[in-house]
Amino acid sequence: MSSDSDGKEPGEHARDAAFGSVGYLLFDSLVHHLIEKGILTKNDALSVVQTAAAVVRSRMNGGETPPLQTDAALTILERTYSSFEALQVRPETVRRDGDNVRSLRPSLHGDRPRFSTDD
């Protein structure tokens, strides 16, 4: 059976892609659920994505991560940010389940982060 230049068999690439896809779906679904239950604020979820985007950009600027991988990572983060940004929080749910959650605070990292499509 032939393998790619990275030494992986074609089936391993498909499995890795499936793991990544399912992992993203689970993360996104969990965060949406936590926001809807009032356990996590929408602003906090957005701030997490902003932090991740800043780390990815700094790794690229520091030469740790190739630009192609950085662009792919920023595309995923942009999709995640947009997903959380579009989420409509139901006030009645937040009041019922989120009594211990503080009201939205200003973003820790400023406005919307820069993604690969912004360049």
Protein backbone atom coordinates (compact mmCIF):
# COMPACT_ATOMS: atom_id res chain seq x y z
CA MET A 1 0.00 0.00 0.00
CA SER A 2 1.38 3.44 -0.87
CA SER A 3 1.94 6.15 1.70
CA ASP A 4 2.30 9.90 1.48
CA SER A 5 5.51 11.81 2.08
CA ASP A 6 4.66 12.15 5.78
CA GLY A 7 4.71 8.38 6.21
CA LYS A 8 0.99 8.01 6.85
CA GLU A 9 -1.23 5.62 4.97
CA PRO A 10 -4.26 7.12 3.17
CA GLY A 11 -6.60 5.61 5.75
CA GLU A 12 -4.69 7.36 8.54
CA HIS A 13 -5.23 10.74 6.86
CA ALA A 14 -8.97 10.06 6.62
CA ARG A 15 -9.09 9.02 10.28
CA ASP A 16 -7.14 12.11 11.37
CA ALA A 17 -9.50 14.36 9.38
CA ALA A 18 -12.53 12.65 10.93
CA PHE A 19 -11.10 13.08 14.45
CA GLY A 20 -10.46 16.76 13.78
CA SER A 21 -13.92 17.29 12.35
CA VAL A 22 -15.67 15.50 15.19
CA GLY A 23 -13.49 17.26 17.76
CA TYR A 24 -14.44 20.65 16.34
CA LEU A 25 -18.13 19.70 16.24
CA LEU A 26 -18.05 18.54 19.88
CA PHE A 27 -16.27 21.71 21.03
CA ASP A 28 -18.63 24.00 19.13
CA SER A 29 -21.72 22.14 20.36
CA LEU A 30 -20.51 22.13 23.97
CA VAL A 31 -19.82 25.86 23.99
CA HIS A 32 -23.21 26.61 22.41
CA HIS A 33 -24.88 24.46 25.06
CA LEU A 34 -22.98 26.15 27.90
CA ILE A 35 -23.95 29.59 26.60
CA GLU A 36 -27.59 28.59 26.19
CA LYS A 37 -27.66 27.20 29.75
CA GLY A 38 -26.14 30.41 31.09
CA ILE A 39 -23.02 28.68 32.39
CA LEU A 40 -20.68 30.50 29.99
CA THR A 41 -21.21 33.98 28.63
CA LYS A 42 -21.18 34.59 24.91
CA ASN A 43 -18.51 37.23 25.44
CA ASP A 44 -16.27 34.74 27.24
CA ALA A 45 -16.62 32.25 24.39
CA LEU A 46 -15.70 34.97 21.89
CA SER A 47 -12.74 35.97 24.04
CA VAL A 48 -11.44 32.38 24.01
CA VAL A 49 -11.50 32.36 20.21
CA GLN A 50 -9.79 35.77 20.13
CA THR A 51 -7.03 34.44 22.36
CA ALA A 52 -6.56 31.37 20.17
CA ALA A 53 -6.37 33.56 17.04
CA ALA A 54 -3.73 35.74 18.70
CA VAL A 55 -1.66 32.68 19.63
CA VAL A 56 -1.89 31.26 16.09
CA ARG A 57 -0.81 34.59 14.60
CA SER A 58 2.11 34.93 17.01
CA ARG A 59 3.29 31.42 16.18
CA MET A 60 3.22 32.28 12.50
CA ASN A 61 5.04 35.57 13.08
CA GLY A 62 7.59 33.75 15.24
CA GLY A 63 8.23 31.21 12.50
CA GLU A 64 6.90 28.27 14.54
CA THR A 65 3.96 27.49 12.25
CA PRO A 66 4.00 27.51 8.43
CA PRO A 67 1.64 30.05 6.82
CA LEU A 68 -0.46 27.31 5.16
CA GLN A 69 -1.24 25.72 8.54
CA THR A 70 -1.84 29.15 10.04
CA ASP A 71 -4.36 30.04 7.33
CA ALA A 72 -6.21 26.75 7.90
CA ALA A 73 -6.26 27.31 11.67
CA LEU A 74 -7.47 30.90 11.31
CA THR A 75 -10.23 29.77 8.93
CA ILE A 76 -11.50 27.33 11.57
CA LEU A 77 -11.26 29.99 14.27
CA GLU A 78 -13.13 32.47 12.10
CA ARG A 79 -15.92 29.94 11.56
CA THR A 80 -16.03 29.30 15.31
CA TYR A 81 -16.09 33.01 16.15
CA SER A 82 -18.90 33.65 13.68
CA SER A 83 -20.85 30.71 15.09
CA PHE A 84 -20.62 32.07 18.64
CA GLU A 85 -21.19 35.65 17.49
CA ALA A 86 -24.46 34.68 15.77
CA LEU A 87 -25.80 32.84 18.81
CA GLN A 88 -28.87 34.50 20.23
CA VAL A 89 -28.86 34.15 23.99
CA ARG A 90 -32.32 33.60 25.44
CA PRO A 91 -32.61 35.89 28.49
CA GLU A 92 -35.07 33.61 30.27
CA THR A 93 -32.61 30.71 30.12
CA VAL A 94 -29.76 32.80 31.45
CA ARG A 95 -31.90 33.96 34.37
CA ARG A 96 -32.98 30.42 35.19
CA ASP A 97 -29.66 28.56 34.83
CA GLY A 98 -27.06 31.27 35.06
CA ASP A 99 -27.64 33.09 38.32
CA ASN A 100 -23.96 32.68 39.13
CA VAL A 101 -22.75 34.06 35.77
CA ARG A 102 -21.73 37.70 35.66
CA SER A 103 -23.20 39.94 33.03
CA LEU A 104 -21.24 40.41 29.82
CA ARG A 105 -18.01 42.29 30.26
CA PRO A 106 -16.01 44.15 27.64
CA SER A 107 -13.89 41.90 25.48
CA LEU A 108 -10.45 41.15 26.88
CA HIS A 109 -8.79 41.48 23.49
CA GLY A 110 -10.57 44.35 21.81
CA ASP A 111 -12.70 43.99 18.74
CA ARG A 112 -13.16 41.07 16.38
CA PRO A 113 -9.81 39.31 15.82
CA ARG A 114 -8.03 39.32 12.47
CA PHE A 115 -8.52 36.12 10.51
CA SER A 116 -6.88 34.92 7.29
CA THR A 117 -9.72 36.37 5.20
CA ASP A 118 -8.98 39.80 6.64
CA ASP A 119 -5.45 39.95 5.19
